[in-house]
Amino acid sequence: MKKISCLVVFVFLSGCLGGISSPSHFYRLKAITENIQPISSQKMEIGVEEALIPQYLNRPQIVTMEKGSNELKISEFERWAEPLSDSFSRILADDISNYLPQSTVKYKMLASEDFTYNISVEVNKIDAVLGEKLELDVWWTIYKQGRMIYRKRSDKTSPLTNSYEDLAKQLSLLINDLAKEIAVNLAK
């Protein structure tokens, strides 16, 4: 009986101590710098506010969807390197600045920061179906000195492989496409 008790305790402890879990992988969004054609040489001061992202997406784990389903897959080991709302806004600001190189474009982190133009983004969805497509649906608004001057909904889609690395890359490209659209309207 004593041998069996010791064996049970040993098996239990070895399971707790000796288990090996999969390593986590961390992904980030990146500004696009290749093949960018400036849209305007105007000098503007532009602040990009923190993107409003649905809570189910604004988490460390990367969220994907099953094809043809409303079921979400939350990956425990495939993660964003930082909160998606921060990353989205900072990369959007960097991308806009590449299209408007004479302008000052910054992710607005403090309420006291004063810009002539402010950009707000409300993300409706970032639907990633691995092996199929990635869809970004957002409302964005341009404010000039506190007054709304332009508001639009943009829906952008990209093919997507089965890779989380590709998901981060394709989302970066869609954000860049959004930045170009915003920059064109700022330059009007």
C-alpha atoms as a PDB file:
ATOM      1  CA  MET A   1       0.000   0.000   0.000  1.00  0.00           C
ATOM      2  CA  LYS A   2       2.837   2.355   0.859  1.00  0.00           C
ATOM      3  CA  LYS A   3       4.480   1.654  -2.517  1.00  0.00           C
ATOM      4  CA  ILE A   4       1.249   2.453  -4.360  1.00  0.00           C
ATOM      5  CA  SER A   5       0.811   5.718  -2.429  1.00  0.00           C
ATOM      6  CA  CYS A   6       4.377   6.728  -3.215  1.00  0.00           C
ATOM      7  CA  LEU A   7       3.865   5.841  -6.875  1.00  0.00           C
ATOM      8  CA  VAL A   8       0.671   7.935  -7.071  1.00  0.00           C
ATOM      9  CA  VAL A   9       2.418  10.919  -5.438  1.00  0.00           C
ATOM     10  CA  PHE A  10       5.412  10.514  -7.784  1.00  0.00           C
ATOM     11  CA  VAL A  11       3.195  10.371 -10.891  1.00  0.00           C
ATOM     12  CA  PHE A  12       1.227  13.390  -9.709  1.00  0.00           C
ATOM     13  CA  LEU A  13       4.330  15.472  -9.003  1.00  0.00           C
ATOM     14  CA  SER A  14       6.052  14.490 -12.236  1.00  0.00           C
ATOM     15  CA  GLY A  15       2.969  15.601 -14.154  1.00  0.00           C
ATOM     16  CA  CYS A  16       3.031  18.981 -12.407  1.00  0.00           C
ATOM     17  CA  LEU A  17       6.755  19.564 -12.650  1.00  0.00           C
ATOM     18  CA  GLY A  18       7.772  17.734 -15.782  1.00  0.00           C
ATOM     19  CA  GLY A  19       5.089  18.846 -18.213  1.00  0.00           C
ATOM     20  CA  ILE A  20       6.380  20.736 -21.211  1.00  0.00           C
ATOM     21  CA  SER A  21       4.071  23.252 -22.828  1.00  0.00           C
ATOM     22  CA  SER A  22       4.353  24.711 -26.285  1.00  0.00           C
ATOM     23  CA  PRO A  23       6.383  27.909 -26.534  1.00  0.00           C
ATOM     24  CA  SER A  24       4.481  31.132 -27.149  1.00  0.00           C
ATOM     25  CA  HIS A  25       5.055  33.114 -30.342  1.00  0.00           C
ATOM     26  CA  PHE A  26       4.687  36.891 -30.338  1.00  0.00           C
ATOM     27  CA  TYR A  27       3.734  38.983 -33.373  1.00  0.00           C
ATOM     28  CA  ARG A  28       3.744  42.692 -34.066  1.00  0.00           C
ATOM     29  CA  LEU A  29       2.348  44.966 -36.698  1.00  0.00           C
ATOM     30  CA  LYS A  30       4.821  46.831 -38.891  1.00  0.00           C
ATOM     31  CA  ALA A  31       4.636  50.089 -40.819  1.00  0.00           C
ATOM     32  CA  ILE A  32       5.044  49.634 -44.551  1.00  0.00           C
ATOM     33  CA  THR A  33       7.953  51.588 -46.022  1.00  0.00           C
ATOM     34  CA  GLU A  34       8.575  49.909 -49.385  1.00  0.00           C
ATOM     35  CA  ASN A  35       7.097  51.359 -52.585  1.00  0.00           C
ATOM     36  CA  ILE A  36       5.352  54.270 -50.856  1.00  0.00           C
ATOM     37  CA  GLN A  37       4.521  57.221 -53.091  1.00  0.00           C
ATOM     38  CA  PRO A  38       3.993  60.434 -51.077  1.00  0.00           C
ATOM     39  CA  ILE A  39       0.538  61.901 -51.584  1.00  0.00           C
ATOM     40  CA  SER A  40       1.220  65.484 -50.545  1.00  0.00           C
ATOM     41  CA  SER A  41       4.026  67.739 -49.395  1.00  0.00           C
ATOM     42  CA  GLN A  42       1.702  69.824 -47.225  1.00  0.00           C
ATOM     43  CA  LYS A  43       2.785  70.499 -43.658  1.00  0.00           C
ATOM     44  CA  MET A  44       0.135  69.440 -41.181  1.00  0.00           C
ATOM     45  CA  GLU A  45       0.075  68.413 -37.531  1.00  0.00           C
ATOM     46  CA  ILE A  46      -1.902  65.180 -37.213  1.00  0.00           C
ATOM     47  CA  GLY A  47      -2.682  63.184 -34.099  1.00  0.00           C
ATOM     48  CA  VAL A  48      -3.943  59.606 -34.326  1.00  0.00           C
ATOM     49  CA  GLU A  49      -6.062  58.673 -31.327  1.00  0.00           C
ATOM     50  CA  GLU A  50      -6.106  55.208 -29.766  1.00  0.00           C
ATOM     51  CA  ALA A  51      -8.165  52.877 -31.937  1.00  0.00           C
ATOM     52  CA  LEU A  52     -11.363  51.563 -30.421  1.00  0.00           C
ATOM     53  CA  ILE A  53     -11.179  47.799 -30.870  1.00  0.00           C
ATOM     54  CA  PRO A  54     -13.807  45.298 -29.688  1.00  0.00           C
ATOM     55  CA  GLN A  55     -12.779  43.743 -26.377  1.00  0.00           C
ATOM     56  CA  TYR A  56     -12.831  40.196 -27.719  1.00  0.00           C
ATOM     57  CA  LEU A  57     -10.006  41.221 -30.105  1.00  0.00           C
ATOM     58  CA  ASN A  58      -8.039  43.570 -27.853  1.00  0.00           C
ATOM     59  CA  ARG A  59      -6.324  40.836 -25.862  1.00  0.00           C
ATOM     60  CA  PRO A  60      -2.853  39.274 -25.905  1.00  0.00           C
ATOM     61  CA  GLN A  61      -4.042  36.106 -27.658  1.00  0.00           C
ATOM     62  CA  ILE A  62      -4.648  36.260 -31.400  1.00  0.00           C
ATOM     63  CA  VAL A  63      -8.287  35.625 -32.265  1.00  0.00           C
ATOM     64  CA  THR A  64      -9.295  33.859 -35.482  1.00  0.00           C
ATOM     65  CA  MET A  65     -12.570  32.479 -36.800  1.00  0.00           C
ATOM     66  CA  GLU A  66     -13.710  29.185 -38.211  1.00  0.00           C
ATOM     67  CA  LYS A  67     -14.733  29.297 -41.870  1.00  0.00           C
ATOM     68  CA  GLY A  68     -18.480  29.792 -42.249  1.00  0.00           C
ATOM     69  CA  SER A  69     -19.020  30.007 -38.488  1.00  0.00           C
ATOM     70  CA  ASN A  70     -19.394  32.543 -35.701  1.00  0.00           C
ATOM     71  CA  GLU A  71     -17.062  30.476 -33.534  1.00  0.00           C
ATOM     72  CA  LEU A  72     -13.922  32.255 -32.381  1.00  0.00           C
ATOM     73  CA  LYS A  73     -10.591  30.533 -31.842  1.00  0.00           C
ATOM     74  CA  ILE A  74      -8.414  32.126 -29.169  1.00  0.00           C
ATOM     75  CA  SER A  75      -4.834  30.944 -29.522  1.00  0.00           C
ATOM     76  CA  GLU A  76      -3.060  30.508 -26.226  1.00  0.00           C
ATOM     77  CA  PHE A  77       0.410  30.386 -27.796  1.00  0.00           C
ATOM     78  CA  GLU A  78       0.084  32.825 -30.737  1.00  0.00           C
ATOM     79  CA  ARG A  79       0.019  36.317 -29.218  1.00  0.00           C
ATOM     80  CA  TRP A  80       0.270  39.994 -30.002  1.00  0.00           C
ATOM     81  CA  ALA A  81       3.433  41.586 -28.622  1.00  0.00           C
ATOM     82  CA  GLU A  82       1.430  44.551 -27.292  1.00  0.00           C
ATOM     83  CA  PRO A  83      -2.227  45.605 -26.983  1.00  0.00           C
ATOM     84  CA  LEU A  84      -3.745  45.672 -30.457  1.00  0.00           C
ATOM     85  CA  SER A  85      -5.341  49.103 -29.882  1.00  0.00           C
ATOM     86  CA  ASP A  86      -1.916  50.672 -29.217  1.00  0.00           C
ATOM     87  CA  SER A  87      -0.166  48.873 -32.050  1.00  0.00           C
ATOM     88  CA  PHE A  88      -2.920  49.614 -34.568  1.00  0.00           C
ATOM     89  CA  SER A  89      -2.855  53.352 -33.803  1.00  0.00           C
ATOM     90  CA  ARG A  90       0.920  53.696 -33.783  1.00  0.00           C
ATOM     91  CA  ILE A  91       1.335  51.811 -37.077  1.00  0.00           C
ATOM     92  CA  LEU A  92      -1.507  53.824 -38.648  1.00  0.00           C
ATOM     93  CA  ALA A  93       0.278  57.052 -37.619  1.00  0.00           C
ATOM     94  CA  ASP A  94       3.599  55.800 -39.018  1.00  0.00           C
ATOM     95  CA  ASP A  95       1.951  54.785 -42.288  1.00  0.00           C
ATOM     96  CA  ILE A  96       0.135  58.133 -42.655  1.00  0.00           C
ATOM     97  CA  SER A  97       3.434  59.944 -42.066  1.00  0.00           C
ATOM     98  CA  ASN A  98       4.998  57.961 -44.928  1.00  0.00           C
ATOM     99  CA  TYR A  99       2.279  59.240 -47.271  1.00  0.00           C
ATOM    100  CA  LEU A 100       2.531  62.806 -45.884  1.00  0.00           C
ATOM    101  CA  PRO A 101       6.308  63.124 -45.308  1.00  0.00           C
ATOM    102  CA  GLN A 102       6.310  66.888 -44.623  1.00  0.00           C
ATOM    103  CA  SER A 103       3.669  66.541 -41.905  1.00  0.00           C
ATOM    104  CA  THR A 104       4.053  65.725 -38.242  1.00  0.00           C
ATOM    105  CA  VAL A 105       1.998  62.597 -37.586  1.00  0.00           C
ATOM    106  CA  LYS A 106       1.991  61.029 -34.131  1.00  0.00           C
ATOM    107  CA  TYR A 107       0.093  58.471 -32.109  1.00  0.00           C
ATOM    108  CA  LYS A 108      -1.717  60.711 -29.627  1.00  0.00           C
ATOM    109  CA  MET A 109      -1.069  59.301 -26.178  1.00  0.00           C
ATOM    110  CA  LEU A 110      -1.887  62.327 -24.031  1.00  0.00           C
ATOM    111  CA  ALA A 111      -5.112  64.314 -24.012  1.00  0.00           C
ATOM    112  CA  SER A 112      -3.043  67.488 -23.648  1.00  0.00           C
ATOM    113  CA  GLU A 113      -1.323  66.968 -27.021  1.00  0.00           C
ATOM    114  CA  ASP A 114      -2.694  69.522 -29.460  1.00  0.00           C
ATOM    115  CA  PHE A 115      -2.868  68.839 -33.209  1.00  0.00           C
ATOM    116  CA  THR A 116      -4.633  70.691 -36.011  1.00  0.00           C
ATOM    117  CA  TYR A 117      -6.041  67.386 -37.275  1.00  0.00           C
ATOM    118  CA  ASN A 118      -7.071  64.362 -35.236  1.00  0.00           C
ATOM    119  CA  ILE A 119      -7.928  60.930 -36.591  1.00  0.00           C
ATOM    120  CA  SER A 120     -10.185  58.545 -34.711  1.00  0.00           C
ATOM    121  CA  VAL A 121     -10.708  54.923 -35.722  1.00  0.00           C
ATOM    122  CA  GLU A 122     -13.440  52.554 -34.549  1.00  0.00           C
ATOM    123  CA  VAL A 123     -12.745  48.972 -35.563  1.00  0.00           C
ATOM    124  CA  ASN A 124     -15.939  47.051 -36.264  1.00  0.00           C
ATOM    125  CA  LYS A 125     -14.165  43.792 -36.961  1.00  0.00           C
ATOM    126  CA  ILE A 126     -10.911  42.097 -37.766  1.00  0.00           C
ATOM    127  CA  ASP A 127     -12.071  38.720 -39.047  1.00  0.00           C
ATOM    128  CA  ALA A 128      -9.205  36.324 -39.706  1.00  0.00           C
ATOM    129  CA  VAL A 129     -10.027  32.953 -41.230  1.00  0.00           C
ATOM    130  CA  LEU A 130      -6.702  31.149 -41.496  1.00  0.00           C
ATOM    131  CA  GLY A 131      -6.182  29.668 -44.935  1.00  0.00           C
ATOM    132  CA  GLU A 132      -8.811  31.926 -46.460  1.00  0.00           C
ATOM    133  CA  LYS A 133      -9.010  35.678 -45.792  1.00  0.00           C
ATOM    134  CA  LEU A 134      -8.541  38.590 -43.440  1.00  0.00           C
ATOM    135  CA  GLU A 135     -11.149  41.338 -43.271  1.00  0.00           C
ATOM    136  CA  LEU A 136     -10.745  44.748 -41.646  1.00  0.00           C
ATOM    137  CA  ASP A 137     -13.883  46.868 -41.223  1.00  0.00           C
ATOM    138  CA  VAL A 138     -13.512  50.316 -39.629  1.00  0.00           C
ATOM    139  CA  TRP A 139     -15.169  53.685 -39.247  1.00  0.00           C
ATOM    140  CA  TRP A 140     -12.680  56.540 -39.333  1.00  0.00           C
ATOM    141  CA  THR A 141     -13.124  60.238 -38.738  1.00  0.00           C
ATOM    142  CA  ILE A 142     -10.997  63.308 -39.429  1.00  0.00           C
ATOM    143  CA  TYR A 143     -11.382  66.249 -37.065  1.00  0.00           C
ATOM    144  CA  LYS A 144      -9.937  69.699 -37.759  1.00  0.00           C
ATOM    145  CA  GLN A 145      -9.520  71.821 -34.652  1.00  0.00           C
ATOM    146  CA  GLY A 146     -12.154  69.764 -32.869  1.00  0.00           C
ATOM    147  CA  ARG A 147     -14.762  69.801 -35.668  1.00  0.00           C
ATOM    148  CA  MET A 148     -15.572  66.692 -37.651  1.00  0.00           C
ATOM    149  CA  ILE A 149     -14.801  67.318 -41.323  1.00  0.00           C
ATOM    150  CA  TYR A 150     -14.917  63.803 -42.786  1.00  0.00           C
ATOM    151  CA  ARG A 151     -16.268  60.401 -41.717  1.00  0.00           C
ATOM    152  CA  LYS A 152     -16.174  57.153 -43.663  1.00  0.00           C
ATOM    153  CA  ARG A 153     -16.539  53.417 -43.279  1.00  0.00           C
ATOM    154  CA  SER A 154     -13.831  51.299 -44.941  1.00  0.00           C
ATOM    155  CA  ASP A 155     -13.946  47.562 -45.467  1.00  0.00           C
ATOM    156  CA  LYS A 156     -10.704  45.952 -46.658  1.00  0.00           C
ATOM    157  CA  THR A 157      -9.974  42.299 -47.411  1.00  0.00           C
ATOM    158  CA  SER A 158      -6.819  40.310 -48.067  1.00  0.00           C
ATOM    159  CA  PRO A 159      -6.115  36.632 -48.786  1.00  0.00           C
ATOM    160  CA  LEU A 160      -4.622  34.809 -45.800  1.00  0.00           C
ATOM    161  CA  THR A 161      -2.512  31.677 -45.496  1.00  0.00           C
ATOM    162  CA  ASN A 162      -2.597  29.305 -42.502  1.00  0.00           C
ATOM    163  CA  SER A 163       0.200  31.282 -40.822  1.00  0.00           C
ATOM    164  CA  TYR A 164      -0.086  33.690 -37.890  1.00  0.00           C
ATOM    165  CA  GLU A 165       2.996  35.447 -39.285  1.00  0.00           C
ATOM    166  CA  ASP A 166       1.009  36.072 -42.474  1.00  0.00           C
ATOM    167  CA  LEU A 167      -1.938  37.304 -40.410  1.00  0.00           C
ATOM    168  CA  ALA A 168       0.289  39.989 -38.816  1.00  0.00           C
ATOM    169  CA  LYS A 169       1.754  40.879 -42.226  1.00  0.00           C
ATOM    170  CA  GLN A 170      -1.631  41.107 -43.969  1.00  0.00           C
ATOM    171  CA  LEU A 171      -3.135  43.184 -41.144  1.00  0.00           C
ATOM    172  CA  SER A 172      -0.150  45.547 -41.438  1.00  0.00           C
ATOM    173  CA  LEU A 173      -0.827  45.856 -45.185  1.00  0.00           C
ATOM    174  CA  LEU A 174      -4.537  46.539 -44.637  1.00  0.00           C
ATOM    175  CA  ILE A 175      -3.698  49.235 -42.064  1.00  0.00           C
ATOM    176  CA  ASN A 176      -1.323  50.757 -44.622  1.00  0.00           C
ATOM    177  CA  ASP A 177      -4.114  50.778 -47.201  1.00  0.00           C
ATOM    178  CA  LEU A 178      -6.342  52.527 -44.654  1.00  0.00           C
ATOM    179  CA  ALA A 179      -3.553  55.049 -43.947  1.00  0.00           C
ATOM    180  CA  LYS A 180      -3.309  55.866 -47.645  1.00  0.00           C
ATOM    181  CA  GLU A 181      -7.074  56.434 -47.830  1.00  0.00           C
ATOM    182  CA  ILE A 182      -6.945  58.749 -44.806  1.00  0.00           C
ATOM    183  CA  ALA A 183      -3.895  60.613 -46.156  1.00  0.00           C
ATOM    184  CA  VAL A 184      -5.651  61.262 -49.479  1.00  0.00           C
ATOM    185  CA  ASN A 185      -8.562  62.860 -47.612  1.00  0.00           C
ATOM    186  CA  LEU A 186      -6.256  64.898 -45.388  1.00  0.00           C
ATOM    187  CA  ALA A 187      -4.459  66.261 -48.452  1.00  0.00           C
ATOM    188  CA  LYS A 188      -7.670  67.544 -50.101  1.00  0.00           C
END
